[in-house]
């Protein structure tokens, strides 16, 4: 029986991963910081390991005896303190990589992000080998890039490791992507920058887990590299929200904004919130404005060729699954 550790097990992707592995009959250990969700995972057949991976000893103990480590834990947000991003995304990843090497873990699958590609220009069919922007979009992108470099170095030192860059993960239990759109719809409306014509990629959570499992069987020649993961179905933003809200049977309220004006306003909001940090996250950040207003699609041919990845769950199927789950929660 394969013994696996899933970090960030009480997060969105982590919970789905734990449940899939349990169904496959694996011996699953889920590490996380939410004891209530951890108890639920234990009821479903996993072993919960409470703790914080920013502590090196905690990470080392979690890796002991594992065949595979799925490193899903991260601080993912468009806004926050750089130090928090660094400790959660870089230091914690370093601790996990060292733990894997120290305990001879067979494979490390690290969840990275295509936020590394974020820029102020439209880009289509981005490949993993394409040059990255000179300056990361925000602290999240900067620290996730450093985390990849940690994993790359570990792979050069003999650890079999894979890095996945899934774009805009969605599905049941999503607590970030679509809920943000639903919240905006209730207040000032979903922003349509440049009439919502930006083309974007998304990834159903089940497809991400398929890619993670393929890394467990991939040839050693595929190790040490990063792979774009998407549904392979780029969609115009306005079409996406129209389909989503139709499935939810919720009237869609939108507000049209010129992208340049929205980006400038986001910059002003950021400046104010830096001066007054008690205000929390700005209503709109420049990173979020770019995510909604700038086209960015990814080439997934490397994942197809090296990992055997083929998106199994279509965009429409994933949207329906989210809508069904959402309605059940209301």
Protein backbone atom coordinates (compact mmCIF):
# COMPACT_ATOMS: atom_id res chain seq x y z
CA UNK A 1 0.00 0.00 0.00
CA UNK A 2 1.37 3.39 -1.00
CA UNK A 3 1.95 5.72 1.93
CA UNK A 4 1.41 9.38 1.09
CA UNK A 5 1.61 12.72 2.84
CA UNK A 6 -0.61 15.57 1.66
CA UNK A 7 0.42 18.96 3.02
CA UNK A 8 -2.19 21.67 3.21
CA UNK A 9 -4.69 18.86 3.65
CA UNK A 10 -7.36 21.11 5.13
CA UNK A 11 -7.24 23.49 2.16
CA UNK A 12 -9.31 23.24 -1.01
CA UNK A 13 -6.94 21.18 -3.17
CA UNK A 14 -5.59 19.28 -0.16
CA UNK A 15 -9.00 18.03 0.95
CA UNK A 16 -9.85 16.80 -2.53
CA UNK A 17 -6.47 15.08 -2.81
CA UNK A 18 -6.80 13.30 0.53
CA UNK A 19 -10.27 12.01 -0.37
CA UNK A 20 -9.16 10.75 -3.80
CA UNK A 21 -6.18 8.90 -2.35
CA UNK A 22 -8.30 7.30 0.39
CA UNK A 23 -10.73 6.08 -2.28
CA UNK A 24 -7.78 4.59 -4.17
CA UNK A 25 -6.82 2.60 -1.08
CA UNK A 26 -3.66 4.54 -0.20
CA UNK A 27 -2.45 5.03 3.36
CA UNK A 28 -2.97 8.78 3.59
CA UNK A 29 -1.57 11.28 6.07
CA UNK A 30 -2.95 14.78 5.84
CA UNK A 31 -0.99 17.65 7.37
CA UNK A 32 -2.79 20.89 8.11
CA UNK A 33 -3.67 23.63 10.57
CA UNK A 34 -7.45 23.25 10.81
CA UNK A 35 -8.21 20.63 13.47
CA UNK A 36 -11.95 20.62 12.77
CA UNK A 37 -11.46 19.74 9.11
CA UNK A 38 -8.69 17.36 10.16
CA UNK A 39 -11.15 15.41 12.31
CA UNK A 40 -13.49 15.14 9.32
CA UNK A 41 -10.68 13.74 7.15
CA UNK A 42 -9.92 11.17 9.85
CA UNK A 43 -13.56 10.05 9.79
CA UNK A 44 -13.10 9.47 6.06
CA UNK A 45 -10.05 7.26 6.49
CA UNK A 46 -7.00 9.52 6.62
CA UNK A 47 -4.56 10.18 9.48
CA UNK A 48 -4.45 13.86 10.41
CA UNK A 49 -1.13 15.44 11.35
CA UNK A 50 -1.71 18.86 12.91
CA UNK A 51 1.16 21.29 12.72
CA UNK A 52 2.87 24.16 10.95
CA UNK A 53 5.41 23.39 8.22
CA UNK A 54 7.26 26.60 9.00
CA UNK A 55 8.68 24.53 11.85
CA UNK A 56 11.45 22.34 10.40
CA UNK A 57 10.98 19.51 12.91
CA UNK A 58 7.25 19.31 12.15
CA UNK A 59 7.95 19.00 8.42
CA UNK A 60 10.70 16.44 8.99
CA UNK A 61 8.46 14.21 11.11
CA UNK A 62 5.65 14.43 8.58
CA UNK A 63 7.91 13.17 5.77
CA UNK A 64 9.22 10.17 7.69
CA UNK A 65 8.26 6.85 6.16
CA UNK A 66 6.41 8.31 3.17
CA UNK A 67 6.54 6.97 -0.37
CA UNK A 68 5.10 10.14 -1.90
CA UNK A 69 4.65 13.70 -0.65
CA UNK A 70 2.06 15.97 -2.31
CA UNK A 71 3.02 19.49 -1.23
CA UNK A 72 -0.20 21.51 -1.58
CA UNK A 73 0.36 23.82 1.39
CA UNK A 74 0.92 27.50 0.56
CA UNK A 75 -0.17 31.00 1.40
CA UNK A 76 -2.16 31.97 -1.69
CA UNK A 77 -3.58 35.48 -1.74
CA UNK A 78 -3.29 38.64 -3.87
CA UNK A 79 -2.45 40.66 -0.76
CA UNK A 80 -0.50 40.27 2.47
CA UNK A 81 2.81 40.74 4.23
CA UNK A 82 5.87 39.60 2.33
CA UNK A 83 7.29 37.91 5.43
CA UNK A 84 4.20 35.73 5.74
CA UNK A 85 4.45 34.65 2.09
CA UNK A 86 8.16 33.93 2.47
CA UNK A 87 7.84 31.76 5.55
CA UNK A 88 4.81 29.83 4.25
CA UNK A 89 5.92 29.37 0.66
CA UNK A 90 9.72 29.32 0.70
CA UNK A 91 10.80 28.21 4.18
CA UNK A 92 8.06 25.57 4.49
CA UNK A 93 8.93 24.17 1.04
CA UNK A 94 12.60 24.04 2.04
CA UNK A 95 11.67 22.07 5.15
CA UNK A 96 9.58 19.62 3.12
CA UNK A 97 12.30 19.16 0.48
CA UNK A 98 14.91 18.49 3.17
CA UNK A 99 12.55 16.08 4.92
CA UNK A 100 11.98 14.19 1.69
CA UNK A 101 15.72 13.86 1.05
CA UNK A 102 16.51 12.92 4.65
CA UNK A 103 13.88 10.18 4.75
CA UNK A 104 14.37 8.88 1.18
CA UNK A 105 10.85 9.76 0.05
CA UNK A 106 10.26 8.30 -3.40
CA UNK A 107 8.65 11.35 -5.02
CA UNK A 108 7.78 14.94 -4.18
CA UNK A 109 4.96 16.58 -6.14
CA UNK A 110 5.02 20.32 -5.52
CA UNK A 111 2.05 22.51 -6.40
CA UNK A 112 3.29 25.77 -7.85
CA UNK A 113 1.40 28.45 -9.79
CA UNK A 114 1.22 30.08 -13.24
CA UNK A 115 1.01 33.41 -11.40
CA UNK A 116 4.72 33.43 -12.22
CA UNK A 117 3.67 34.46 -15.77
CA UNK A 118 1.44 37.37 -14.69
CA UNK A 119 2.20 40.58 -16.56
CA UNK A 120 0.55 43.61 -18.10
CA UNK A 121 0.35 42.22 -21.62
CA UNK A 122 -1.82 39.61 -23.28
CA UNK A 123 -0.05 36.29 -23.67
CA UNK A 124 -1.37 33.16 -25.36
CA UNK A 125 -0.07 29.60 -25.28
CA UNK A 126 2.58 30.32 -22.64
CA UNK A 127 5.12 27.52 -22.38
CA UNK A 128 7.08 26.63 -19.25
CA UNK A 129 10.32 27.56 -21.01
CA UNK A 130 9.16 31.07 -21.98
CA UNK A 131 10.93 33.94 -20.20
CA UNK A 132 9.28 35.08 -17.00
CA UNK A 133 8.46 38.75 -16.39
CA UNK A 134 11.38 40.74 -15.02
CA UNK A 135 9.46 41.54 -11.85
CA UNK A 136 7.01 39.15 -10.15
CA UNK A 137 3.43 40.44 -9.98
CA UNK A 138 3.23 40.30 -6.18
CA UNK A 139 4.68 38.64 -3.07
CA UNK A 140 2.78 35.43 -3.78
CA UNK A 141 4.28 35.04 -7.26
CA UNK A 142 7.76 36.02 -6.04
CA UNK A 143 7.82 33.48 -3.22
CA UNK A 144 6.29 30.69 -5.29
CA UNK A 145 9.08 31.22 -7.82
CA UNK A 146 11.62 30.87 -5.02
CA UNK A 147 9.85 27.73 -3.82
CA UNK A 148 10.23 26.24 -7.29
CA UNK A 149 13.93 27.01 -7.17
CA UNK A 150 14.15 25.14 -3.86
CA UNK A 151 12.52 22.08 -5.44
CA UNK A 152 14.74 22.35 -8.53
CA UNK A 153 17.84 22.31 -6.36
CA UNK A 154 16.54 19.32 -4.42
CA UNK A 155 15.96 17.50 -7.72
CA UNK A 156 19.51 18.27 -8.83
CA UNK A 157 20.62 16.76 -5.52
CA UNK A 158 18.90 13.46 -6.31
CA UNK A 159 15.29 13.91 -5.15
CA UNK A 160 12.68 12.81 -7.69
CA UNK A 161 10.44 15.88 -7.79
CA UNK A 162 7.82 17.43 -10.04
CA UNK A 163 6.33 20.92 -10.08
CA UNK A 164 2.82 21.59 -11.34
CA UNK A 165 1.47 25.01 -12.29
CA UNK A 166 -2.34 24.61 -12.31
CA UNK A 167 -4.24 27.66 -13.48
CA UNK A 168 -7.30 28.89 -11.50
CA UNK A 169 -8.36 25.70 -9.73
CA UNK A 170 -12.11 25.41 -9.19
CA UNK A 171 -14.69 22.86 -8.10
CA UNK A 172 -16.79 21.88 -5.09
CA UNK A 173 -15.47 23.40 -1.82
CA UNK A 174 -13.78 26.26 -3.71
CA UNK A 175 -13.51 29.03 -1.11
CA UNK A 176 -11.66 31.61 -3.18
CA UNK A 177 -12.13 31.82 -6.94
CA UNK A 178 -15.87 31.63 -7.60
CA UNK A 179 -16.92 32.83 -4.11
CA UNK A 180 -15.08 36.10 -4.82
CA UNK A 181 -17.17 36.53 -7.98
CA UNK A 182 -20.35 35.73 -6.07
CA UNK A 183 -19.45 38.28 -3.40
CA UNK A 184 -18.76 40.94 -6.05
CA UNK A 185 -22.07 40.13 -7.72
CA UNK A 186 -23.88 40.89 -4.45
CA UNK A 187 -22.25 44.28 -4.02
CA UNK A 188 -21.10 46.43 -6.94
CA UNK A 189 -21.29 43.72 -9.58
CA UNK A 190 -18.74 41.46 -11.28
CA UNK A 191 -16.17 43.72 -12.97
CA UNK A 192 -15.97 43.33 -16.75
CA UNK A 193 -12.75 45.02 -17.78
CA UNK A 194 -12.72 45.85 -21.47
CA UNK A 195 -16.15 44.19 -21.71
CA UNK A 196 -14.85 40.93 -20.22
CA UNK A 197 -13.00 39.96 -23.40
CA UNK A 198 -9.89 38.60 -21.66
CA UNK A 199 -9.32 34.92 -22.44
CA UNK A 200 -8.35 32.82 -19.45
CA UNK A 201 -7.65 29.21 -18.54
CA UNK A 202 -9.14 27.34 -15.59
CA UNK A 203 -8.54 23.89 -14.15
CA UNK A 204 -11.09 21.57 -12.57
CA UNK A 205 -9.72 20.29 -9.26
CA UNK A 206 -10.16 16.66 -10.33
CA UNK A 207 -7.90 17.27 -13.33
CA UNK A 208 -5.22 18.71 -11.06
CA UNK A 209 -5.30 15.55 -8.94
CA UNK A 210 -5.09 13.44 -12.09
CA UNK A 211 -1.89 15.31 -12.97
CA UNK A 212 -0.54 14.81 -9.46
CA UNK A 213 -1.14 11.07 -9.69
CA UNK A 214 0.49 10.91 -13.12
CA UNK A 215 3.64 12.36 -11.53
CA UNK A 216 3.77 9.26 -9.34
CA UNK A 217 4.18 7.11 -12.45
CA UNK A 218 6.10 9.45 -14.74
CA UNK A 219 9.57 8.47 -15.97
CA UNK A 220 12.54 9.78 -14.02
CA UNK A 221 13.50 11.84 -17.07
CA UNK A 222 10.45 14.05 -16.34
CA UNK A 223 11.68 14.89 -12.84
CA UNK A 224 12.97 18.31 -11.86
CA UNK A 225 10.68 20.21 -14.22
CA UNK A 226 7.58 22.38 -14.01
CA UNK A 227 4.40 21.59 -15.94
CA UNK A 228 1.48 23.81 -16.88
CA UNK A 229 -1.87 22.26 -15.98
CA UNK A 230 -5.23 23.56 -17.26
CA UNK A 231 -8.49 22.24 -18.65
CA UNK A 232 -7.18 23.07 -22.12
CA UNK A 233 -10.34 25.10 -22.79
CA UNK A 234 -9.54 28.83 -22.80
CA UNK A 235 -12.70 30.89 -22.28
CA UNK A 236 -13.59 34.56 -22.47
CA UNK A 237 -14.16 35.90 -18.96
CA UNK A 238 -17.64 37.28 -19.71
CA UNK A 239 -18.69 33.91 -21.16
CA UNK A 240 -17.41 32.13 -18.07
CA UNK A 241 -19.38 34.25 -15.61
CA UNK A 242 -22.49 34.08 -17.78
CA UNK A 243 -22.34 30.26 -17.78
CA UNK A 244 -21.56 30.09 -14.07
CA UNK A 245 -24.38 32.35 -12.90
CA UNK A 246 -26.83 30.66 -15.24
CA UNK A 247 -26.02 27.29 -13.64
CA UNK A 248 -26.37 28.84 -10.19
CA UNK A 249 -29.71 30.40 -11.24
CA UNK A 250 -28.50 33.74 -9.86
CA UNK A 251 -29.01 37.01 -11.79
CA UNK A 252 -25.65 38.27 -13.01
CA UNK A 253 -24.83 41.89 -12.18
CA UNK A 254 -21.82 43.35 -13.95
CA UNK A 255 -20.05 46.68 -14.12
CA UNK A 256 -17.97 47.66 -17.11
CA UNK A 257 -14.58 49.20 -16.46
CA UNK A 258 -11.75 50.26 -18.79
CA UNK A 259 -8.77 48.14 -17.81
CA UNK A 260 -6.34 51.06 -17.57
CA UNK A 261 -8.67 52.92 -15.18
CA UNK A 262 -9.23 49.80 -13.05
CA UNK A 263 -5.50 49.11 -12.84
CA UNK A 264 -4.77 52.70 -11.80
CA UNK A 265 -7.53 52.60 -9.18
CA UNK A 266 -6.15 49.31 -7.84
CA UNK A 267 -2.72 50.90 -7.46
CA UNK A 268 -4.23 53.76 -5.45
CA UNK A 269 -6.12 51.31 -3.23
CA UNK A 270 -2.92 49.37 -2.58
CA UNK A 271 -1.10 52.55 -1.57
CA UNK A 272 -3.84 53.46 0.89
CA UNK A 273 -3.92 49.97 2.39
CA UNK A 274 -0.15 49.95 2.83
CA UNK A 275 -0.42 53.17 4.80
CA UNK A 276 -3.42 51.84 6.76
CA UNK A 277 -2.78 48.08 7.07
CA UNK A 278 -5.68 47.62 9.51
CA UNK A 279 -7.98 48.02 6.49
CA UNK A 280 -6.96 44.54 5.31
CA UNK A 281 -7.05 43.48 1.67
CA UNK A 282 -7.97 46.16 -0.91
CA UNK A 283 -11.22 45.70 -2.81
CA UNK A 284 -9.12 45.38 -5.98
CA UNK A 285 -5.39 44.78 -6.41
CA UNK A 286 -3.32 45.26 -9.57
CA UNK A 287 -2.71 41.52 -9.62
CA UNK A 288 -6.45 40.80 -9.49
CA UNK A 289 -7.14 43.42 -12.15
CA UNK A 290 -4.65 41.72 -14.46
CA UNK A 291 -6.14 38.30 -13.74
CA UNK A 292 -9.56 39.55 -14.89
CA UNK A 293 -8.58 41.97 -17.61
CA UNK A 294 -5.48 40.53 -19.31
CA UNK A 295 -5.62 37.42 -21.50
CA UNK A 296 -3.37 34.60 -20.34
CA UNK A 297 -3.58 31.07 -21.71
CA UNK A 298 -1.15 28.22 -21.15
CA UNK A 299 0.33 25.56 -23.39
CA UNK A 300 -0.07 22.15 -21.72
CA UNK A 301 1.72 20.07 -24.36
CA UNK A 302 4.65 19.31 -22.01
CA UNK A 303 2.29 17.79 -19.44
CA UNK A 304 0.58 15.81 -22.20
CA UNK A 305 3.86 14.49 -23.60
CA UNK A 306 5.91 13.96 -20.44
CA UNK A 307 3.21 13.01 -17.91
CA UNK A 308 0.48 11.62 -20.15
CA UNK A 309 -1.92 14.31 -18.91
CA UNK A 310 -5.29 14.69 -20.62
CA UNK A 311 -8.00 16.83 -19.00
CA UNK A 312 -10.70 14.34 -18.01
CA UNK A 313 -13.35 16.67 -16.56
CA UNK A 314 -14.56 19.32 -18.99
CA UNK A 315 -15.10 22.96 -18.06
CA UNK A 316 -18.88 22.57 -18.27
CA UNK A 317 -18.81 19.43 -16.11
CA UNK A 318 -16.68 21.22 -13.53
CA UNK A 319 -18.97 24.26 -13.50
CA UNK A 320 -22.00 22.02 -12.98
CA UNK A 321 -20.27 20.20 -10.12
CA UNK A 322 -19.48 23.50 -8.41
CA UNK A 323 -23.03 24.79 -8.94
CA UNK A 324 -24.56 21.64 -7.46
CA UNK A 325 -22.28 21.85 -4.42
CA UNK A 326 -22.94 25.55 -3.95
CA UNK A 327 -26.70 25.13 -4.00
CA UNK A 328 -26.45 22.38 -1.39
CA UNK A 329 -24.63 24.80 0.95
CA UNK A 330 -27.32 27.48 0.77
